[in-house]
PDB file of N, CA and C in Angstrom:
ATOM      1  N   MET A   1       0.499  10.840  59.652  1.00  0.00           N
ATOM      2  CA  MET A   1       1.924  11.148  58.475  1.00  0.00           C
ATOM      3  C   MET A   1       2.342  10.189  57.962  1.00  0.00           C
ATOM      4  N   GLU A   2       2.315   8.717  58.694  1.00  0.00           N
ATOM      5  CA  GLU A   2       2.934   7.997  57.841  1.00  0.00           C
ATOM      6  C   GLU A   2       1.830   7.177  56.375  1.00  0.00           C
ATOM      7  N   ARG A   3       0.560   8.337  56.468  1.00  0.00           N
ATOM      8  CA  ARG A   3      -0.125   7.466  55.133  1.00  0.00           C
ATOM      9  C   ARG A   3       0.263   8.753  54.608  1.00  0.00           C
ATOM     10  N   LYS A   4       0.422   9.528  54.641  1.00  0.00           N
ATOM     11  CA  LYS A   4       0.731  10.524  54.149  1.00  0.00           C
ATOM     12  C   LYS A   4       2.163  10.684  53.529  1.00  0.00           C
ATOM     13  N   LYS A   5       2.852   9.839  53.710  1.00  0.00           N
ATOM     14  CA  LYS A   5       4.546   9.053  52.934  1.00  0.00           C
ATOM     15  C   LYS A   5       3.867   8.125  52.175  1.00  0.00           C
ATOM     16  N   ILE A   6       3.960   7.365  52.549  1.00  0.00           N
ATOM     17  CA  ILE A   6       3.293   5.943  51.853  1.00  0.00           C
ATOM     18  C   ILE A   6       2.211   7.138  50.606  1.00  0.00           C
ATOM     19  N   ILE A   7       1.371   7.392  50.344  1.00  0.00           N
ATOM     20  CA  ILE A   7       1.305   8.549  49.262  1.00  0.00           C
ATOM     21  C   ILE A   7       2.121   9.055  48.509  1.00  0.00           C
ATOM     22  N   ILE A   8       2.474   9.823  49.096  1.00  0.00           N
ATOM     23  CA  ILE A   8       3.532  10.839  48.345  1.00  0.00           C
ATOM     24  C   ILE A   8       4.522   9.751  47.842  1.00  0.00           C
ATOM     25  N   TYR A   9       5.056   8.816  48.454  1.00  0.00           N
ATOM     26  CA  TYR A   9       6.148   7.327  47.819  1.00  0.00           C
ATOM     27  C   TYR A   9       5.178   6.778  46.538  1.00  0.00           C
ATOM     28  N   ALA A  10       3.959   6.463  46.770  1.00  0.00           N
ATOM     29  CA  ALA A  10       3.387   6.141  45.151  1.00  0.00           C
ATOM     30  C   ALA A  10       3.088   6.929  44.183  1.00  0.00           C
ATOM     31  N   LEU A  11       2.519   8.019  44.397  1.00  0.00           N
ATOM     32  CA  LEU A  11       2.743   9.058  43.535  1.00  0.00           C
ATOM     33  C   LEU A  11       4.337   9.449  42.795  1.00  0.00           C
ATOM     34  N   ALA A  12       5.429   9.438  43.431  1.00  0.00           N
ATOM     35  CA  ALA A  12       6.061   9.343  43.402  1.00  0.00           C
ATOM     36  C   ALA A  12       6.927   7.959  42.204  1.00  0.00           C
ATOM     37  N   VAL A  13       6.335   7.009  42.588  1.00  0.00           N
ATOM     38  CA  VAL A  13       6.367   5.827  41.687  1.00  0.00           C
ATOM     39  C   VAL A  13       5.688   5.779  40.250  1.00  0.00           C
ATOM     40  N   LEU A  14       4.984   6.120  40.974  1.00  0.00           N
ATOM     41  CA  LEU A  14       3.962   6.189  39.387  1.00  0.00           C
ATOM     42  C   LEU A  14       4.570   7.179  38.861  1.00  0.00           C
ATOM     43  N   ALA A  15       4.819   8.903  38.887  1.00  0.00           N
ATOM     44  CA  ALA A  15       5.367   9.469  38.334  1.00  0.00           C
ATOM     45  C   ALA A  15       6.759   9.053  37.170  1.00  0.00           C
ATOM     46  N   ALA A  16       7.343   8.529  38.030  1.00  0.00           N
ATOM     47  CA  ALA A  16       8.890   7.978  37.997  1.00  0.00           C
ATOM     48  C   ALA A  16       8.202   6.625  36.204  1.00  0.00           C
ATOM     49  N   LEU A  17       7.511   5.948  36.910  1.00  0.00           N
ATOM     50  CA  LEU A  17       6.816   4.830  35.554  1.00  0.00           C
ATOM     51  C   LEU A  17       6.541   5.573  34.948  1.00  0.00           C
ATOM     52  N   THR A  18       5.720   6.522  34.860  1.00  0.00           N
ATOM     53  CA  THR A  18       5.177   7.322  33.673  1.00  0.00           C
ATOM     54  C   THR A  18       5.856   8.040  32.979  1.00  0.00           C
ATOM     55  N   VAL A  19       7.232   8.651  33.644  1.00  0.00           N
ATOM     56  CA  VAL A  19       7.921   9.136  32.559  1.00  0.00           C
ATOM     57  C   VAL A  19       9.023   8.296  31.907  1.00  0.00           C
ATOM     58  N   ILE A  20       9.728   6.414  32.533  1.00  0.00           N
ATOM     59  CA  ILE A  20      10.401   5.999  31.936  1.00  0.00           C
ATOM     60  C   ILE A  20       8.951   5.123  30.622  1.00  0.00           C
ATOM     61  N   PHE A  21       7.806   4.762  31.156  1.00  0.00           N
ATOM     62  CA  PHE A  21       7.452   4.053  30.270  1.00  0.00           C
ATOM     63  C   PHE A  21       6.276   5.314  29.038  1.00  0.00           C
ATOM     64  N   LEU A  22       6.082   6.044  29.445  1.00  0.00           N
ATOM     65  CA  LEU A  22       5.047   6.901  27.916  1.00  0.00           C
ATOM     66  C   LEU A  22       6.265   6.568  26.801  1.00  0.00           C
ATOM     67  N   PRO A  23       7.380   7.008  26.800  1.00  0.00           N
ATOM     68  CA  PRO A  23       7.956   7.793  25.599  1.00  0.00           C
ATOM     69  C   PRO A  23       7.786   5.910  24.680  1.00  0.00           C
ATOM     70  N   GLY A  24       8.224   5.567  25.393  1.00  0.00           N
ATOM     71  CA  GLY A  24       7.771   3.564  24.926  1.00  0.00           C
ATOM     72  C   GLY A  24       6.379   3.265  24.698  1.00  0.00           C
ATOM     73  N   PHE A  25       5.826   3.778  25.345  1.00  0.00           N
ATOM     74  CA  PHE A  25       4.129   3.554  24.583  1.00  0.00           C
ATOM     75  C   PHE A  25       3.997   4.111  23.335  1.00  0.00           C
ATOM     76  N   SER A  26       4.787   5.620  23.167  1.00  0.00           N
ATOM     77  CA  SER A  26       3.879   6.542  22.235  1.00  0.00           C
ATOM     78  C   SER A  26       4.688   5.716  21.189  1.00  0.00           C
ATOM     79  N   GLU A  27       5.989   4.785  21.524  1.00  0.00           N
ATOM     80  CA  GLU A  27       6.300   4.710  20.238  1.00  0.00           C
ATOM     81  C   GLU A  27       5.934   3.155  19.604  1.00  0.00           C
ATOM     82  N   LEU A  28       5.648   2.624  20.418  1.00  0.00           N
ATOM     83  CA  LEU A  28       4.507   1.658  20.062  1.00  0.00           C
ATOM     84  C   LEU A  28       3.414   1.755  19.252  1.00  0.00           C
ATOM     85  N   GLN A  29       2.721   2.740  19.834  1.00  0.00           N
ATOM     86  CA  GLN A  29       1.280   3.271  19.009  1.00  0.00           C
ATOM     87  C   GLN A  29       1.892   3.644  17.610  1.00  0.00           C
ATOM     88  N   LYS A  30       3.269   4.550  17.319  1.00  0.00           N
ATOM     89  CA  LYS A  30       3.357   5.062  16.236  1.00  0.00           C
ATOM     90  C   LYS A  30       4.178   3.390  15.546  1.00  0.00           C
ATOM     91  N   LEU A  31       4.273   2.715  16.126  1.00  0.00           N
ATOM     92  CA  LEU A  31       4.775   1.268  15.094  1.00  0.00           C
ATOM     93  C   LEU A  31       3.547   0.659  14.613  1.00  0.00           C
ATOM     94  N   ARG A  32       2.272   0.581  15.695  1.00  0.00           N
ATOM     95  CA  ARG A  32       1.622  -0.067  15.515  1.00  0.00           C
ATOM     96  C   ARG A  32       0.701   0.335  14.166  1.00  0.00           C
ATOM     97  N   GLU A  33       0.504   1.728  13.967  1.00  0.00           N
ATOM     98  CA  GLU A  33      -0.167   2.465  13.145  1.00  0.00           C
ATOM     99  C   GLU A  33       0.790   2.361  11.695  1.00  0.00           C
ATOM    100  N   GLN A  34       1.932   2.278  11.716  1.00  0.00           N
ATOM    101  CA  GLN A  34       2.766   2.336  10.528  1.00  0.00           C
ATOM    102  C   GLN A  34       2.836   0.850  10.349  1.00  0.00           C
ATOM    103  N   ASN A  35       2.558  -0.394  10.709  1.00  0.00           N
ATOM    104  CA  ASN A  35       2.115  -1.865  10.782  1.00  0.00           C
ATOM    105  C   ASN A  35       0.504  -1.767   9.966  1.00  0.00           C
ATOM    106  N   ALA A  36      -0.250  -1.388  10.744  1.00  0.00           N
ATOM    107  CA  ALA A  36      -1.899  -1.337   9.936  1.00  0.00           C
ATOM    108  C   ALA A  36      -1.430  -1.065   8.422  1.00  0.00           C
ATOM    109  N   GLN A  37      -0.859   0.221   8.090  1.00  0.00           N
ATOM    110  CA  GLN A  37      -0.333   1.107   6.954  1.00  0.00           C
ATOM    111  C   GLN A  37       0.156   0.089   6.182  1.00  0.00           C
ATOM    112  N   LEU A  38       1.412  -0.754   6.612  1.00  0.00           N
ATOM    113  CA  LEU A  38       1.942  -1.579   5.952  1.00  0.00           C
ATOM    114  C   LEU A  38       1.308  -2.481   5.323  1.00  0.00           C
ATOM    115  N   ILE A  39       0.161  -3.077   5.974  1.00  0.00           N
ATOM    116  CA  ILE A  39      -0.633  -4.099   5.809  1.00  0.00           C
ATOM    117  C   ILE A  39      -1.588  -3.716   4.684  1.00  0.00           C
ATOM    118  N   LYS A  40      -2.052  -2.828   4.848  1.00  0.00           N
ATOM    119  CA  LYS A  40      -2.766  -2.529   3.467  1.00  0.00           C
ATOM    120  C   LYS A  40      -1.747  -2.362   2.407  1.00  0.00           C
ATOM    121  N   ARG A  41      -1.018  -2.123   2.135  1.00  0.00           N
ATOM    122  CA  ARG A  41       0.082  -1.622   1.192  1.00  0.00           C
ATOM    123  C   ARG A  41       0.258  -3.445   0.630  1.00  0.00           C
ATOM    124  N   ILE A  42       0.567  -4.222   1.465  1.00  0.00           N
ATOM    125  CA  ILE A  42       0.500  -5.707   1.376  1.00  0.00           C
ATOM    126  C   ILE A  42      -0.800  -5.839   0.554  1.00  0.00           C
ATOM    127  N   GLU A  43      -1.517  -6.001   0.978  1.00  0.00           N
ATOM    128  CA  GLU A  43      -3.218  -6.431   0.391  1.00  0.00           C
ATOM    129  C   GLU A  43      -2.905  -5.635  -0.892  1.00  0.00           C
ATOM    130  N   LEU A  44      -2.877  -4.924  -1.025  1.00  0.00           N
ATOM    131  CA  LEU A  44      -3.011  -3.914  -2.491  1.00  0.00           C
ATOM    132  C   LEU A  44      -2.227  -4.475  -3.527  1.00  0.00           C
ATOM    133  N   LEU A  45      -1.170  -4.663  -3.036  1.00  0.00           N
ATOM    134  CA  LEU A  45      -0.191  -5.208  -3.704  1.00  0.00           C
ATOM    135  C   LEU A  45      -0.632  -6.468  -4.329  1.00  0.00           C
ATOM    136  N   GLU A  46      -0.552  -6.995  -3.589  1.00  0.00           N
ATOM    137  CA  GLU A  46      -1.289  -8.320  -3.877  1.00  0.00           C
ATOM    138  C   GLU A  46      -2.176  -8.749  -4.707  1.00  0.00           C
ATOM    139  N   GLU A  47      -3.091  -7.926  -4.565  1.00  0.00           N
ATOM    140  CA  GLU A  47      -4.127  -7.576  -5.576  1.00  0.00           C
ATOM    141  C   GLU A  47      -3.423  -7.570  -6.881  1.00  0.00           C
ATOM    142  N   ASN A  48      -3.389  -6.202  -6.661  1.00  0.00           N
ATOM    143  CA  ASN A  48      -2.155  -5.857  -7.821  1.00  0.00           C
ATOM    144  C   ASN A  48      -1.463  -6.895  -8.755  1.00  0.00           C
ATOM    145  N   ASN A  49      -0.656  -8.044  -7.955  1.00  0.00           N
ATOM    146  CA  ASN A  49       0.212  -8.949  -8.322  1.00  0.00           C
ATOM    147  C   ASN A  49      -1.348  -9.673  -8.932  1.00  0.00           C
ATOM    148  N   GLU A  50      -2.180 -10.266  -8.478  1.00  0.00           N
ATOM    149  CA  GLU A  50      -3.095 -11.168  -9.102  1.00  0.00           C
ATOM    150  C   GLU A  50      -3.776 -10.667  -9.925  1.00  0.00           C
ATOM    151  N   ILE A  51      -4.109  -9.166 -10.742  1.00  0.00           N
ATOM    152  CA  ILE A  51      -4.231  -8.810 -11.814  1.00  0.00           C
ATOM    153  C   ILE A  51      -3.803  -9.271 -12.945  1.00  0.00           C
ATOM    154  N   LEU A  52      -2.229  -8.706 -12.715  1.00  0.00           N
ATOM    155  CA  LEU A  52      -0.543  -8.866 -13.594  1.00  0.00           C
ATOM    156  C   LEU A  52      -0.731 -10.311 -13.578  1.00  0.00           C
ATOM    157  N   LYS A  53      -0.701 -11.131 -12.820  1.00  0.00           N
ATOM    158  CA  LYS A  53      -0.713 -12.901 -13.048  1.00  0.00           C
ATOM    159  C   LYS A  53      -1.942 -12.997 -14.261  1.00  0.00           C
ATOM    160  N   GLU A  54      -2.976 -12.545 -13.716  1.00  0.00           N
ATOM    161  CA  GLU A  54      -4.282 -13.231 -14.663  1.00  0.00           C
ATOM    162  C   GLU A  54      -3.710 -12.369 -16.267  1.00  0.00           C
ATOM    163  N   GLU A  55      -3.168 -10.970 -16.633  1.00  0.00           N
ATOM    164  CA  GLU A  55      -3.055 -10.803 -17.830  1.00  0.00           C
ATOM    165  C   GLU A  55      -2.359 -11.747 -18.194  1.00  0.00           C
ATOM    166  N   ILE A  56      -0.921 -11.974 -17.457  1.00  0.00           N
ATOM    167  CA  ILE A  56       0.001 -12.765 -18.073  1.00  0.00           C
ATOM    168  C   ILE A  56      -0.630 -13.997 -18.866  1.00  0.00           C
ATOM    169  N   ALA A  57      -1.121 -14.403 -17.576  1.00  0.00           N
ATOM    170  CA  ALA A  57      -1.513 -16.222 -18.512  1.00  0.00           C
ATOM    171  C   ALA A  57      -2.556 -16.071 -19.787  1.00  0.00           C
ATOM    172  N   ARG A  58      -3.228 -14.796 -19.219  1.00  0.00           N
ATOM    173  CA  ARG A  58      -3.969 -13.795 -21.071  1.00  0.00           C
ATOM    174  C   ARG A  58      -3.139 -14.015 -22.384  1.00  0.00           C
ATOM    175  N   MET A  59      -2.253 -13.009 -22.339  1.00  0.00           N
ATOM    176  CA  MET A  59      -0.937 -13.346 -22.879  1.00  0.00           C
ATOM    177  C   MET A  59      -0.334 -14.726 -23.212  1.00  0.00           C
ATOM    178  N   LYS A  60      -0.162 -15.654 -22.704  1.00  0.00           N
ATOM    179  CA  LYS A  60       0.110 -16.744 -22.915  1.00  0.00           C
ATOM    180  C   LYS A  60      -1.207 -17.105 -23.626  1.00  0.00           C
ATOM    181  N   GLN A  61      -2.355 -17.409 -23.442  1.00  0.00           N
ATOM    182  CA  GLN A  61      -3.177 -18.160 -24.554  1.00  0.00           C
ATOM    183  C   GLN A  61      -3.290 -17.638 -25.268  1.00  0.00           C
ATOM    184  N   GLU A  62      -3.916 -16.438 -25.603  1.00  0.00           N
ATOM    185  CA  GLU A  62      -4.323 -15.681 -26.178  1.00  0.00           C
ATOM    186  C   GLU A  62      -3.348 -14.782 -27.254  1.00  0.00           C
ATOM    187  N   PRO A  63      -3.162 -15.131 -28.627  1.00  0.00           N
ATOM    188  CA  PRO A  63      -2.290 -13.934 -29.007  1.00  0.00           C
ATOM    189  C   PRO A  63      -2.682 -13.404 -29.279  1.00  0.00           C
ATOM    190  N   ASP A  64      -3.994 -12.990 -29.714  1.00  0.00           N
ATOM    191  CA  ASP A  64      -4.530 -11.607 -30.147  1.00  0.00           C
ATOM    192  C   ASP A  64      -4.935 -10.683 -29.426  1.00  0.00           C
ATOM    193  N   TYR A  65      -4.685 -11.577 -28.138  1.00  0.00           N
ATOM    194  CA  TYR A  65      -4.942 -10.162 -26.795  1.00  0.00           C
ATOM    195  C   TYR A  65      -3.717  -9.356 -26.646  1.00  0.00           C
ATOM    196  N   VAL A  66      -2.534 -10.018 -27.090  1.00  0.00           N
ATOM    197  CA  VAL A  66      -1.142  -9.825 -27.114  1.00  0.00           C
ATOM    198  C   VAL A  66      -0.553  -8.010 -28.382  1.00  0.00           C
ATOM    199  N   GLU A  67      -1.484  -8.891 -29.531  1.00  0.00           N
ATOM    200  CA  GLU A  67      -1.943  -7.710 -30.786  1.00  0.00           C
ATOM    201  C   GLU A  67      -2.658  -6.088 -30.440  1.00  0.00           C
ATOM    202  N   GLY A  68      -3.755  -6.994 -29.827  1.00  0.00           N
ATOM    203  CA  GLY A  68      -4.907  -5.809 -29.372  1.00  0.00           C
ATOM    204  C   GLY A  68      -3.890  -5.027 -28.141  1.00  0.00           C
ATOM    205  N   ARG A  69      -2.999  -5.315 -27.083  1.00  0.00           N
ATOM    206  CA  ARG A  69      -2.764  -4.567 -26.046  1.00  0.00           C
ATOM    207  C   ARG A  69      -1.246  -3.671 -26.765  1.00  0.00           C
ATOM    208  N   ALA A  70      -0.854  -4.530 -27.873  1.00  0.00           N
ATOM    209  CA  ALA A  70       0.676  -4.092 -28.640  1.00  0.00           C
ATOM    210  C   ALA A  70      -0.132  -2.454 -29.224  1.00  0.00           C
ATOM    211  N   ARG A  71      -1.241  -2.897 -29.634  1.00  0.00           N
ATOM    212  CA  ARG A  71      -1.503  -1.736 -30.794  1.00  0.00           C
ATOM    213  C   ARG A  71      -2.075  -0.615 -30.151  1.00  0.00           C
ATOM    214  N   GLU A  72      -2.979  -0.752 -28.974  1.00  0.00           N
ATOM    215  CA  GLU A  72      -3.415   0.209 -28.008  1.00  0.00           C
ATOM    216  C   GLU A  72      -2.124   0.660 -27.127  1.00  0.00           C
ATOM    217  N   LYS A  73      -1.090  -0.083 -27.062  1.00  0.00           N
ATOM    218  CA  LYS A  73      -0.357   0.840 -26.257  1.00  0.00           C
ATOM    219  C   LYS A  73       0.831   1.391 -26.684  1.00  0.00           C
ATOM    220  N   LEU A  74       0.700   0.843 -28.143  1.00  0.00           N
ATOM    221  CA  LEU A  74       1.880   1.153 -28.962  1.00  0.00           C
ATOM    222  C   LEU A  74       1.819   1.796 -29.958  1.00  0.00           C
ATOM    223  N   GLY A  75       0.654   1.785 -30.202  1.00  0.00           N
ATOM    224  CA  GLY A  75       0.177   2.442 -31.444  1.00  0.00           C
ATOM    225  C   GLY A  75       0.579   1.532 -33.022  1.00  0.00           C
ATOM    226  N   ILE A  76       0.583   0.135 -32.801  1.00  0.00           N
ATOM    227  CA  ILE A  76       1.262  -0.115 -33.816  1.00  0.00           C
ATOM    228  C   ILE A  76       0.381  -0.710 -34.625  1.00  0.00           C
ATOM    229  N   ILE A  77       0.200  -0.351 -36.150  1.00  0.00           N
ATOM    230  CA  ILE A  77      -0.611  -1.142 -36.914  1.00  0.00           C
ATOM    231  C   ILE A  77      -0.042  -2.169 -38.176  1.00  0.00           C
ATOM    232  N   ARG A  78      -0.855  -2.584 -38.800  1.00  0.00           N
ATOM    233  CA  ARG A  78      -0.484  -3.908 -39.696  1.00  0.00           C
ATOM    234  C   ARG A  78      -0.053  -2.919 -41.107  1.00  0.00           C
ATOM    235  N   LYS A  79       0.690  -3.703 -42.144  1.00  0.00           N
ATOM    236  CA  LYS A  79       1.265  -3.037 -42.931  1.00  0.00           C
ATOM    237  C   LYS A  79      -0.513  -3.210 -43.553  1.00  0.00           C
ATOM    238  N   GLY A  80      -0.498  -1.765 -44.224  1.00  0.00           N
ATOM    239  CA  GLY A  80      -1.377  -1.799 -45.476  1.00  0.00           C
ATOM    240  C   GLY A  80      -2.880  -1.113 -44.896  1.00  0.00           C
ATOM    241  N   GLU A  81      -2.597  -0.288 -42.948  1.00  0.00           N
ATOM    242  CA  GLU A  81      -4.012  -0.432 -42.623  1.00  0.00           C
ATOM    243  C   GLU A  81      -4.151   1.481 -42.234  1.00  0.00           C
ATOM    244  N   ILE A  82      -5.068   1.476 -42.320  1.00  0.00           N
ATOM    245  CA  ILE A  82      -5.721   2.919 -42.296  1.00  0.00           C
ATOM    246  C   ILE A  82      -5.800   3.586 -40.736  1.00  0.00           C
ATOM    247  N   ILE A  83      -5.346   4.744 -40.323  1.00  0.00           N
ATOM    248  CA  ILE A  83      -5.997   4.863 -38.814  1.00  0.00           C
ATOM    249  C   ILE A  83      -6.550   6.075 -39.079  1.00  0.00           C
ATOM    250  N   TYR A  84      -7.933   5.850 -38.606  1.00  0.00           N
ATOM    251  CA  TYR A  84      -8.716   7.279 -38.865  1.00  0.00           C
ATOM    252  C   TYR A  84      -8.671   7.733 -37.328  1.00  0.00           C
ATOM    253  N   LYS A  85      -8.465   8.734 -36.961  1.00  0.00           N
ATOM    254  CA  LYS A  85      -8.805   9.553 -35.992  1.00  0.00           C
ATOM    255  C   LYS A  85      -9.773  10.381 -36.085  1.00  0.00           C
ATOM    256  N   PRO A  86     -11.114  10.507 -35.508  1.00  0.00           N
ATOM    257  CA  PRO A  86     -12.501  11.245 -35.432  1.00  0.00           C
ATOM    258  C   PRO A  86     -12.148  12.614 -34.741  1.00  0.00           C
ATOM    259  N   GLY A  87     -12.357  13.499 -36.193  1.00  0.00           N
ATOM    260  CA  GLY A  87     -11.906  15.228 -35.802  1.00  0.00           C
ATOM    261  C   GLY A  87     -10.291  15.638 -36.175  1.00  0.00           C
ATOM    262  N   GLU A  88     -10.587  14.919 -36.808  1.00  0.00           N
ATOM    263  CA  GLU A  88      -8.752  15.319 -37.291  1.00  0.00           C
ATOM    264  C   GLU A  88      -9.254  15.854 -39.496  1.00  0.00           C
ATOM    265  N   ALA A  89      -8.379  16.387 -39.727  1.00  0.00           N
ATOM    266  CA  ALA A  89      -8.765  16.772 -41.086  1.00  0.00           C
ATOM    267  C   ALA A  89      -7.883  16.284 -42.189  1.00  0.00           C
ATOM    268  N   ARG A  90      -8.154  15.842 -43.418  1.00  0.00           N
ATOM    269  CA  ARG A  90      -7.376  15.179 -43.814  1.00  0.00           C
ATOM    270  C   ARG A  90      -6.860  15.799 -44.798  1.00  0.00           C
TER     271      ARG A  90
END
């Protein structure tokens, strides 16, 4: 009889601990997943930052590169230039 009481008491304690700690464990798992996602995002942003730093350095060193980027992005042309686009009728 005494052994059954000990087993029932142990099961009750185990059930109580499960009820108390299971929500915390679930929250911990969710935070770990979120942390892993944020670490991946940080790595991606750091890579992107390095690419941008290299482009800034190139723009400072090569004036022709800046001109080429302006022509490409903004469609800037020099005075007297004629733009030819294939497939367009004149």
